């Protein structure tokens, strides 16, 4: 369970969206939180991978090698 207080302008926008779409404010808030969480997790993963490449713990693969490996035409 999560309870949060939103500024009135955000609450008003969320309420208006809920009325227009016929979905609850909670549904929209849950979707927004999940999407943002996925973005943050992707960013964290990318930053960790970049750090591994920069530190020499991981190698990169040239794009041409990937294209040829997976049969993707230019």
C-alpha atoms as a PDB file:
ATOM      1  CA  UNK A   1       0.000   0.000   0.000  1.00  0.00           C
ATOM      2  CA  UNK A   2       1.301   3.399  -0.960  1.00  0.00           C
ATOM      3  CA  UNK A   3      -0.254   6.717  -0.117  1.00  0.00           C
ATOM      4  CA  UNK A   4       1.015   9.950  -1.536  1.00  0.00           C
ATOM      5  CA  UNK A   5      -0.047  13.543  -1.606  1.00  0.00           C
ATOM      6  CA  UNK A   6      -0.056  15.219  -5.008  1.00  0.00           C
ATOM      7  CA  UNK A   7      -0.002  18.931  -5.712  1.00  0.00           C
ATOM      8  CA  UNK A   8      -3.489  20.160  -6.674  1.00  0.00           C
ATOM      9  CA  UNK A   9      -2.537  20.765 -10.319  1.00  0.00           C
ATOM     10  CA  UNK A  10      -1.371  17.163 -10.744  1.00  0.00           C
ATOM     11  CA  UNK A  11      -4.406  15.831  -8.888  1.00  0.00           C
ATOM     12  CA  UNK A  12      -6.670  17.870 -11.191  1.00  0.00           C
ATOM     13  CA  UNK A  13      -4.945  16.557 -14.316  1.00  0.00           C
ATOM     14  CA  UNK A  14      -5.155  12.986 -13.050  1.00  0.00           C
ATOM     15  CA  UNK A  15      -8.832  13.386 -12.199  1.00  0.00           C
ATOM     16  CA  UNK A  16      -9.582  14.849 -15.649  1.00  0.00           C
ATOM     17  CA  UNK A  17      -7.722  11.996 -17.348  1.00  0.00           C
ATOM     18  CA  UNK A  18      -9.608   9.424 -15.296  1.00  0.00           C
ATOM     19  CA  UNK A  19     -12.938  10.955 -16.301  1.00  0.00           C
ATOM     20  CA  UNK A  20     -11.980  11.106 -20.006  1.00  0.00           C
ATOM     21  CA  UNK A  21     -10.694   7.538 -20.141  1.00  0.00           C
ATOM     22  CA  UNK A  22     -13.097   5.823 -17.774  1.00  0.00           C
ATOM     23  CA  UNK A  23     -10.184   4.394 -15.821  1.00  0.00           C
ATOM     24  CA  UNK A  24      -9.439   5.086 -12.180  1.00  0.00           C
ATOM     25  CA  UNK A  25      -6.836   7.527 -10.944  1.00  0.00           C
ATOM     26  CA  UNK A  26      -5.138   4.578  -9.239  1.00  0.00           C
ATOM     27  CA  UNK A  27      -4.885   2.715 -12.560  1.00  0.00           C
ATOM     28  CA  UNK A  28      -3.230   5.686 -14.247  1.00  0.00           C
ATOM     29  CA  UNK A  29      -0.912   6.307 -11.290  1.00  0.00           C
ATOM     30  CA  UNK A  30       0.097   2.618 -11.189  1.00  0.00           C
ATOM     31  CA  UNK A  31       0.817   2.617 -14.937  1.00  0.00           C
ATOM     32  CA  UNK A  32       2.878   5.802 -14.649  1.00  0.00           C
ATOM     33  CA  UNK A  33       4.889   4.462 -11.716  1.00  0.00           C
ATOM     34  CA  UNK A  34       5.550   1.144 -13.479  1.00  0.00           C
ATOM     35  CA  UNK A  35       6.687   2.857 -16.677  1.00  0.00           C
ATOM     36  CA  UNK A  36       8.966   5.222 -14.786  1.00  0.00           C
ATOM     37  CA  UNK A  37      10.347   2.373 -12.673  1.00  0.00           C
ATOM     38  CA  UNK A  38      11.154   0.377 -15.815  1.00  0.00           C
ATOM     39  CA  UNK A  39      12.922   3.422 -17.269  1.00  0.00           C
ATOM     40  CA  UNK A  40      14.966   3.867 -14.082  1.00  0.00           C
ATOM     41  CA  UNK A  41      15.884   0.173 -14.075  1.00  0.00           C
ATOM     42  CA  UNK A  42      16.941   0.367 -17.736  1.00  0.00           C
ATOM     43  CA  UNK A  43      19.049   3.447 -16.997  1.00  0.00           C
ATOM     44  CA  UNK A  44      20.683   1.737 -14.016  1.00  0.00           C
ATOM     45  CA  UNK A  45      21.458  -1.318 -16.152  1.00  0.00           C
ATOM     46  CA  UNK A  46      22.956   0.843 -18.921  1.00  0.00           C
ATOM     47  CA  UNK A  47      25.091   2.783 -16.427  1.00  0.00           C
ATOM     48  CA  UNK A  48      26.390  -0.459 -14.875  1.00  0.00           C
ATOM     49  CA  UNK A  49      27.211  -1.901 -18.289  1.00  0.00           C
ATOM     50  CA  UNK A  50      28.976   1.297 -19.337  1.00  0.00           C
ATOM     51  CA  UNK A  51      31.006   1.252 -16.126  1.00  0.00           C
ATOM     52  CA  UNK A  52      31.977  -2.377 -16.818  1.00  0.00           C
ATOM     53  CA  UNK A  53      33.140  -1.489 -20.334  1.00  0.00           C
ATOM     54  CA  UNK A  54      35.076   1.544 -19.117  1.00  0.00           C
ATOM     55  CA  UNK A  55      36.778  -0.479 -16.375  1.00  0.00           C
ATOM     56  CA  UNK A  56      37.724  -3.258 -18.788  1.00  0.00           C
ATOM     57  CA  UNK A  57      35.485  -5.838 -17.091  1.00  0.00           C
ATOM     58  CA  UNK A  58      33.411  -6.178 -20.268  1.00  0.00           C
ATOM     59  CA  UNK A  59      34.120  -5.896 -23.968  1.00  0.00           C
ATOM     60  CA  UNK A  60      32.140  -4.312 -26.750  1.00  0.00           C
ATOM     61  CA  UNK A  61      31.148  -5.980 -30.014  1.00  0.00           C
ATOM     62  CA  UNK A  62      31.495  -4.074 -33.292  1.00  0.00           C
ATOM     63  CA  UNK A  63      28.151  -3.356 -34.964  1.00  0.00           C
ATOM     64  CA  UNK A  64      29.212  -5.082 -38.183  1.00  0.00           C
ATOM     65  CA  UNK A  65      29.877  -8.279 -36.222  1.00  0.00           C
ATOM     66  CA  UNK A  66      26.417  -8.154 -34.671  1.00  0.00           C
ATOM     67  CA  UNK A  67      24.727  -7.485 -38.009  1.00  0.00           C
ATOM     68  CA  UNK A  68      26.535 -10.386 -39.610  1.00  0.00           C
ATOM     69  CA  UNK A  69      25.994 -12.708 -36.628  1.00  0.00           C
ATOM     70  CA  UNK A  70      22.226 -12.175 -36.708  1.00  0.00           C
ATOM     71  CA  UNK A  71      21.859 -11.931 -40.482  1.00  0.00           C
ATOM     72  CA  UNK A  72      20.683  -8.340 -40.500  1.00  0.00           C
ATOM     73  CA  UNK A  73      21.230  -6.522 -43.773  1.00  0.00           C
ATOM     74  CA  UNK A  74      22.620  -2.986 -43.827  1.00  0.00           C
END
